[in-house]
Amino acid sequence: MKIKKTTLYLFGIIILAVAAGYFMIDGSASDTGGGNGNIGNGEVQEVVIGMKNYNYYPNTITVKAGQPVSISLDESVYGCFRSFTIRDFGVNKYLRTPQDTVEFTPTKKGTYRFACSMGMGTGTLIVE
């Protein structure tokens, strides 16, 4: 049985398209923390971060320890700033749209750094 090169190319393209779609969908589902927003024993602390003067705005956020936090990035945020990280809490997620969120529960009081994946945009998370 002989298969034409064009058939093999077509088959390869289909496999690549399916694989790319899988990783795009799977990447948006990789969330740190629960996901349903009702984690822990307190109300969810919702935070919306924008971008101003090439940095996160506000770049200082205060939350309560032991209560779940939900962070989203508004439509003003673009580029690598959409790849949001808080290393001390294991938060690392690409937030494609303003509806995407990252949820986690800070358990330890203190001052922590948040940043984009490249470290260009930074901010401070204060857990009281």
N, C-alpha and C. Protein backbone atom coordinates (compact mmCIF):
# COMPACT_ATOMS: atom_id res chain seq x y z
N MET A 1 0.85 -1.18 0.00
CA MET A 1 0.00 0.00 0.00
C MET A 1 0.89 1.24 0.00
N LYS A 2 0.67 2.14 -0.92
CA LYS A 2 1.47 3.34 -1.06
C LYS A 2 0.62 4.57 -0.72
N ILE A 3 1.17 5.44 0.15
CA ILE A 3 0.44 6.64 0.57
C ILE A 3 1.12 7.84 -0.06
N LYS A 4 0.32 8.76 -0.58
CA LYS A 4 0.85 9.96 -1.21
C LYS A 4 1.42 10.91 -0.16
N LYS A 5 2.41 11.70 -0.58
CA LYS A 5 3.01 12.69 0.33
C LYS A 5 1.99 13.72 0.79
N THR A 6 1.10 14.13 -0.09
CA THR A 6 0.10 15.14 0.29
C THR A 6 -0.82 14.59 1.38
N THR A 7 -1.12 13.31 1.35
CA THR A 7 -1.96 12.71 2.38
C THR A 7 -1.22 12.73 3.72
N LEU A 8 0.06 12.41 3.69
CA LEU A 8 0.85 12.45 4.93
C LEU A 8 0.94 13.87 5.48
N TYR A 9 1.16 14.85 4.61
CA TYR A 9 1.22 16.25 5.05
C TYR A 9 -0.11 16.68 5.69
N LEU A 10 -1.20 16.33 5.04
CA LEU A 10 -2.52 16.69 5.56
C LEU A 10 -2.74 16.04 6.92
N PHE A 11 -2.39 14.77 7.05
CA PHE A 11 -2.54 14.07 8.31
C PHE A 11 -1.69 14.72 9.40
N GLY A 12 -0.46 15.11 9.08
CA GLY A 12 0.43 15.78 10.03
C GLY A 12 -0.12 17.11 10.48
N ILE A 13 -0.67 17.88 9.55
CA ILE A 13 -1.25 19.17 9.90
C ILE A 13 -2.44 19.01 10.83
N ILE A 14 -3.26 18.01 10.58
CA ILE A 14 -4.42 17.76 11.44
C ILE A 14 -3.96 17.40 12.85
N ILE A 15 -2.95 16.55 12.95
CA ILE A 15 -2.43 16.16 14.27
C ILE A 15 -1.87 17.37 15.01
N LEU A 16 -1.11 18.21 14.32
CA LEU A 16 -0.57 19.42 14.95
C LEU A 16 -1.67 20.36 15.42
N ALA A 17 -2.71 20.53 14.61
CA ALA A 17 -3.82 21.41 14.99
C ALA A 17 -4.54 20.88 16.22
N VAL A 18 -4.76 19.58 16.28
CA VAL A 18 -5.43 18.99 17.44
C VAL A 18 -4.56 19.15 18.69
N ALA A 19 -3.25 18.89 18.56
CA ALA A 19 -2.34 19.03 19.69
C ALA A 19 -2.28 20.47 20.18
N ALA A 20 -2.20 21.42 19.26
CA ALA A 20 -2.17 22.84 19.65
C ALA A 20 -3.45 23.23 20.38
N GLY A 21 -4.58 22.79 19.88
CA GLY A 21 -5.86 23.07 20.54
C GLY A 21 -5.92 22.49 21.94
N TYR A 22 -5.41 21.28 22.09
CA TYR A 22 -5.40 20.64 23.40
C TYR A 22 -4.58 21.45 24.40
N PHE A 23 -3.37 21.87 24.00
CA PHE A 23 -2.51 22.61 24.92
C PHE A 23 -3.05 23.99 25.22
N MET A 24 -3.72 24.62 24.28
CA MET A 24 -4.31 25.93 24.54
C MET A 24 -5.44 25.82 25.55
N ILE A 25 -6.28 24.82 25.40
CA ILE A 25 -7.40 24.63 26.32
C ILE A 25 -6.87 24.18 27.68
N ASP A 26 -5.92 23.25 27.70
CA ASP A 26 -5.37 22.74 28.94
C ASP A 26 -4.63 23.83 29.70
N GLY A 27 -3.95 24.73 29.02
CA GLY A 27 -3.22 25.82 29.67
C GLY A 27 -4.13 26.76 30.40
N SER A 28 -5.32 27.01 29.86
CA SER A 28 -6.24 27.93 30.53
C SER A 28 -6.90 27.28 31.74
N ALA A 29 -6.85 25.95 31.82
CA ALA A 29 -7.45 25.26 32.95
C ALA A 29 -6.46 25.05 34.08
N SER A 30 -5.16 25.27 33.83
CA SER A 30 -4.18 25.04 34.88
C SER A 30 -4.20 26.21 35.85
N ASP A 31 -4.86 26.01 36.95
CA ASP A 31 -5.10 27.05 37.94
C ASP A 31 -4.49 26.62 39.25
N THR A 32 -3.97 27.55 39.98
CA THR A 32 -3.45 27.26 41.30
C THR A 32 -4.56 27.53 42.29
N GLY A 33 -4.85 26.57 43.10
CA GLY A 33 -5.93 26.74 44.06
C GLY A 33 -7.16 26.01 43.58
N GLY A 34 -8.28 26.31 44.18
CA GLY A 34 -9.50 25.58 43.92
C GLY A 34 -10.08 25.78 42.56
N GLY A 35 -10.70 26.88 42.30
CA GLY A 35 -11.31 27.10 41.01
C GLY A 35 -12.76 27.50 41.15
N ASN A 36 -13.43 27.03 42.21
CA ASN A 36 -14.83 27.38 42.37
C ASN A 36 -15.02 28.66 43.15
N GLY A 37 -13.94 29.24 43.66
CA GLY A 37 -14.03 30.52 44.35
C GLY A 37 -14.45 30.41 45.81
N ASN A 38 -14.92 29.27 46.24
CA ASN A 38 -15.35 29.11 47.62
C ASN A 38 -14.37 28.24 48.39
N ILE A 39 -13.13 28.67 48.41
CA ILE A 39 -12.08 27.91 49.07
C ILE A 39 -11.95 28.43 50.50
N GLY A 40 -11.59 27.57 51.40
CA GLY A 40 -11.31 28.01 52.77
C GLY A 40 -12.58 28.34 53.53
N ASN A 41 -12.42 29.18 54.53
CA ASN A 41 -13.54 29.44 55.44
C ASN A 41 -14.07 30.87 55.37
N GLY A 42 -13.58 31.68 54.44
CA GLY A 42 -14.04 33.07 54.39
C GLY A 42 -14.56 33.44 53.02
N GLU A 43 -15.03 34.66 52.92
CA GLU A 43 -15.50 35.15 51.64
C GLU A 43 -14.32 35.38 50.70
N VAL A 44 -14.58 35.25 49.42
CA VAL A 44 -13.53 35.44 48.43
C VAL A 44 -13.19 36.93 48.32
N GLN A 45 -11.91 37.24 48.39
CA GLN A 45 -11.42 38.60 48.23
C GLN A 45 -11.11 38.80 46.75
N GLU A 46 -11.94 39.55 46.06
CA GLU A 46 -11.76 39.73 44.62
C GLU A 46 -10.91 40.97 44.34
N VAL A 47 -9.89 40.78 43.51
CA VAL A 47 -8.97 41.85 43.17
C VAL A 47 -8.89 41.95 41.66
N VAL A 48 -9.04 43.17 41.13
CA VAL A 48 -8.88 43.41 39.70
C VAL A 48 -7.68 44.34 39.53
N ILE A 49 -6.74 43.90 38.71
CA ILE A 49 -5.53 44.67 38.49
C ILE A 49 -5.51 45.16 37.05
N GLY A 50 -5.12 46.41 36.87
CA GLY A 50 -4.98 47.00 35.54
C GLY A 50 -3.52 47.29 35.26
N MET A 51 -3.31 48.13 34.26
CA MET A 51 -1.95 48.50 33.87
C MET A 51 -1.91 50.01 33.68
N LYS A 52 -0.88 50.64 34.26
CA LYS A 52 -0.73 52.09 34.16
C LYS A 52 0.76 52.41 34.18
N ASN A 53 1.21 53.25 33.27
CA ASN A 53 2.63 53.63 33.19
C ASN A 53 3.55 52.40 33.11
N TYR A 54 3.16 51.43 32.32
CA TYR A 54 3.94 50.21 32.08
C TYR A 54 4.20 49.41 33.36
N ASN A 55 3.22 49.39 34.25
CA ASN A 55 3.31 48.57 35.45
C ASN A 55 1.90 48.20 35.90
N TYR A 56 1.82 47.21 36.80
CA TYR A 56 0.52 46.84 37.34
C TYR A 56 -0.04 48.00 38.16
N TYR A 57 -1.37 48.15 38.12
CA TYR A 57 -2.03 49.21 38.88
C TYR A 57 -3.33 48.67 39.46
N PRO A 58 -3.55 48.72 40.74
CA PRO A 58 -2.60 49.18 41.75
C PRO A 58 -1.46 48.18 41.89
N ASN A 59 -0.30 48.68 42.27
CA ASN A 59 0.82 47.76 42.42
C ASN A 59 1.07 47.38 43.89
N THR A 60 0.18 47.81 44.77
CA THR A 60 0.19 47.33 46.16
C THR A 60 -1.23 46.88 46.49
N ILE A 61 -1.35 45.63 46.91
CA ILE A 61 -2.65 45.03 47.22
C ILE A 61 -2.59 44.46 48.63
N THR A 62 -3.64 44.69 49.40
CA THR A 62 -3.70 44.16 50.76
C THR A 62 -4.87 43.19 50.86
N VAL A 63 -4.59 41.98 51.39
CA VAL A 63 -5.61 40.95 51.57
C VAL A 63 -5.47 40.36 52.97
N LYS A 64 -6.47 39.58 53.38
CA LYS A 64 -6.47 38.94 54.69
C LYS A 64 -5.98 37.51 54.57
N ALA A 65 -5.17 37.10 55.54
CA ALA A 65 -4.67 35.73 55.58
C ALA A 65 -5.82 34.77 55.88
N GLY A 66 -5.77 33.57 55.31
CA GLY A 66 -6.77 32.55 55.57
C GLY A 66 -8.04 32.70 54.77
N GLN A 67 -8.16 33.76 53.98
CA GLN A 67 -9.35 33.94 53.14
C GLN A 67 -8.93 33.84 51.68
N PRO A 68 -9.72 33.13 50.87
CA PRO A 68 -9.36 32.97 49.46
C PRO A 68 -9.33 34.29 48.70
N VAL A 69 -8.40 34.36 47.75
CA VAL A 69 -8.21 35.55 46.92
C VAL A 69 -8.43 35.14 45.47
N SER A 70 -9.14 35.98 44.73
CA SER A 70 -9.36 35.78 43.30
C SER A 70 -8.84 37.03 42.58
N ILE A 71 -7.84 36.84 41.72
CA ILE A 71 -7.24 37.97 41.00
C ILE A 71 -7.54 37.84 39.52
N SER A 72 -7.97 38.96 38.93
CA SER A 72 -8.16 39.02 37.48
C SER A 72 -7.45 40.27 36.96
N LEU A 73 -7.16 40.27 35.66
CA LEU A 73 -6.49 41.40 35.02
C LEU A 73 -7.48 42.04 34.05
N ASP A 74 -7.67 43.36 34.14
CA ASP A 74 -8.64 44.01 33.26
C ASP A 74 -8.11 44.13 31.84
N GLU A 75 -8.92 44.74 30.97
CA GLU A 75 -8.59 44.82 29.54
C GLU A 75 -7.40 45.71 29.22
N SER A 76 -6.95 46.52 30.17
CA SER A 76 -5.79 47.39 29.92
C SER A 76 -4.47 46.62 29.97
N VAL A 77 -4.47 45.42 30.52
CA VAL A 77 -3.25 44.63 30.67
C VAL A 77 -2.97 43.87 29.38
N TYR A 78 -1.71 43.93 28.92
CA TYR A 78 -1.36 43.24 27.66
C TYR A 78 0.06 42.67 27.75
N GLY A 79 0.41 41.88 26.76
CA GLY A 79 1.76 41.32 26.66
C GLY A 79 2.08 40.36 27.78
N CYS A 80 3.36 40.36 28.18
CA CYS A 80 3.81 39.43 29.22
C CYS A 80 3.16 39.71 30.57
N PHE A 81 2.56 40.90 30.73
CA PHE A 81 1.89 41.24 32.00
C PHE A 81 0.71 40.32 32.27
N ARG A 82 0.19 39.65 31.22
CA ARG A 82 -0.92 38.71 31.40
C ARG A 82 -0.46 37.39 32.00
N SER A 83 0.84 37.16 32.04
CA SER A 83 1.39 35.96 32.67
C SER A 83 1.72 36.33 34.12
N PHE A 84 0.80 36.06 35.01
CA PHE A 84 0.82 36.56 36.38
C PHE A 84 1.43 35.53 37.34
N THR A 85 2.38 35.97 38.17
CA THR A 85 3.02 35.05 39.11
C THR A 85 3.14 35.66 40.51
N ILE A 86 2.95 34.80 41.49
CA ILE A 86 3.30 35.09 42.88
C ILE A 86 4.03 33.84 43.35
N ARG A 87 5.33 33.84 43.23
CA ARG A 87 6.13 32.64 43.47
C ARG A 87 5.95 32.07 44.87
N ASP A 88 5.84 32.93 45.87
CA ASP A 88 5.74 32.44 47.25
C ASP A 88 4.47 31.62 47.49
N PHE A 89 3.46 31.79 46.66
CA PHE A 89 2.22 31.04 46.80
C PHE A 89 2.01 30.03 45.67
N GLY A 90 3.02 29.86 44.84
CA GLY A 90 2.91 28.90 43.74
C GLY A 90 1.95 29.33 42.65
N VAL A 91 1.69 30.62 42.55
CA VAL A 91 0.76 31.14 41.55
C VAL A 91 1.55 31.43 40.27
N ASN A 92 1.11 30.85 39.17
CA ASN A 92 1.73 31.09 37.87
C ASN A 92 0.70 30.75 36.80
N LYS A 93 0.06 31.78 36.26
CA LYS A 93 -1.00 31.52 35.29
C LYS A 93 -1.07 32.63 34.25
N TYR A 94 -1.32 32.23 33.02
CA TYR A 94 -1.54 33.19 31.94
C TYR A 94 -3.03 33.50 31.91
N LEU A 95 -3.39 34.74 32.17
CA LEU A 95 -4.79 35.17 32.21
C LEU A 95 -5.12 35.83 30.88
N ARG A 96 -5.67 35.06 29.95
CA ARG A 96 -5.92 35.51 28.58
C ARG A 96 -6.92 36.65 28.49
N THR A 97 -7.98 36.57 29.28
CA THR A 97 -9.06 37.56 29.18
C THR A 97 -9.35 38.14 30.57
N PRO A 98 -10.09 39.24 30.63
CA PRO A 98 -10.47 39.80 31.94
C PRO A 98 -11.35 38.85 32.76
N GLN A 99 -11.95 37.86 32.13
CA GLN A 99 -12.79 36.91 32.86
C GLN A 99 -11.97 35.79 33.51
N ASP A 100 -10.74 35.58 33.04
CA ASP A 100 -9.87 34.56 33.64
C ASP A 100 -9.41 35.04 35.01
N THR A 101 -9.32 34.10 35.95
CA THR A 101 -8.89 34.44 37.29
C THR A 101 -7.86 33.43 37.78
N VAL A 102 -7.15 33.83 38.79
CA VAL A 102 -6.27 32.92 39.52
C VAL A 102 -6.72 32.98 40.97
N GLU A 103 -6.90 31.82 41.57
CA GLU A 103 -7.37 31.76 42.95
C GLU A 103 -6.36 31.05 43.82
N PHE A 104 -6.20 31.55 45.01
CA PHE A 104 -5.33 30.93 46.00
C PHE A 104 -5.73 31.45 47.37
N THR A 105 -5.27 30.78 48.41
CA THR A 105 -5.54 31.22 49.77
C THR A 105 -4.22 31.48 50.47
N PRO A 106 -3.92 32.76 50.76
CA PRO A 106 -2.68 33.06 51.48
C PRO A 106 -2.81 32.62 52.94
N THR A 107 -1.89 31.82 53.39
CA THR A 107 -1.98 31.29 54.75
C THR A 107 -1.01 31.96 55.70
N LYS A 108 -0.04 32.67 55.17
CA LYS A 108 1.02 33.25 56.00
C LYS A 108 1.05 34.77 55.83
N LYS A 109 0.98 35.49 56.95
CA LYS A 109 1.06 36.95 56.90
C LYS A 109 2.45 37.38 56.44
N GLY A 110 2.48 38.51 55.74
CA GLY A 110 3.76 39.03 55.28
C GLY A 110 3.62 39.86 54.03
N THR A 111 4.74 40.23 53.46
CA THR A 111 4.78 41.02 52.23
C THR A 111 5.41 40.16 51.15
N TYR A 112 4.72 40.07 50.02
CA TYR A 112 5.15 39.20 48.92
C TYR A 112 5.16 39.98 47.62
N ARG A 113 5.97 39.52 46.69
CA ARG A 113 6.10 40.17 45.39
C ARG A 113 5.24 39.44 44.36
N PHE A 114 4.53 40.19 43.52
CA PHE A 114 3.92 39.59 42.34
C PHE A 114 4.53 40.25 41.13
N ALA A 115 4.49 39.54 40.00
CA ALA A 115 5.15 40.04 38.80
C ALA A 115 4.62 39.33 37.57
N CYS A 116 4.98 39.87 36.42
CA CYS A 116 4.73 39.14 35.17
C CYS A 116 5.82 38.09 35.05
N SER A 117 5.69 37.19 34.10
CA SER A 117 6.65 36.10 33.99
C SER A 117 8.06 36.58 33.68
N MET A 118 8.20 37.75 33.07
CA MET A 118 9.52 38.28 32.74
C MET A 118 10.07 39.22 33.81
N GLY A 119 9.27 39.54 34.82
CA GLY A 119 9.71 40.44 35.87
C GLY A 119 9.68 41.91 35.48
N MET A 120 9.05 42.23 34.35
CA MET A 120 8.98 43.63 33.91
C MET A 120 7.97 44.42 34.71
N GLY A 121 6.82 43.81 34.97
CA GLY A 121 5.80 44.44 35.79
C GLY A 121 5.83 43.80 37.16
N THR A 122 5.80 44.62 38.20
CA THR A 122 5.89 44.09 39.55
C THR A 122 4.88 44.76 40.46
N GLY A 123 4.70 44.17 41.61
CA GLY A 123 3.82 44.74 42.61
C GLY A 123 4.04 44.05 43.94
N THR A 124 3.33 44.52 44.95
CA THR A 124 3.47 43.99 46.29
C THR A 124 2.12 43.52 46.80
N LEU A 125 2.10 42.29 47.34
CA LEU A 125 0.92 41.73 47.97
C LEU A 125 1.19 41.71 49.47
N ILE A 126 0.35 42.42 50.22
CA ILE A 126 0.47 42.46 51.67
C ILE A 126 -0.62 41.57 52.25
N VAL A 127 -0.22 40.56 53.01
CA VAL A 127 -1.18 39.65 53.65
C VAL A 127 -1.20 40.00 55.13
N GLU A 128 -2.37 40.43 55.60
CA GLU A 128 -2.52 40.84 57.02
C GLU A 128 -3.19 39.75 57.84
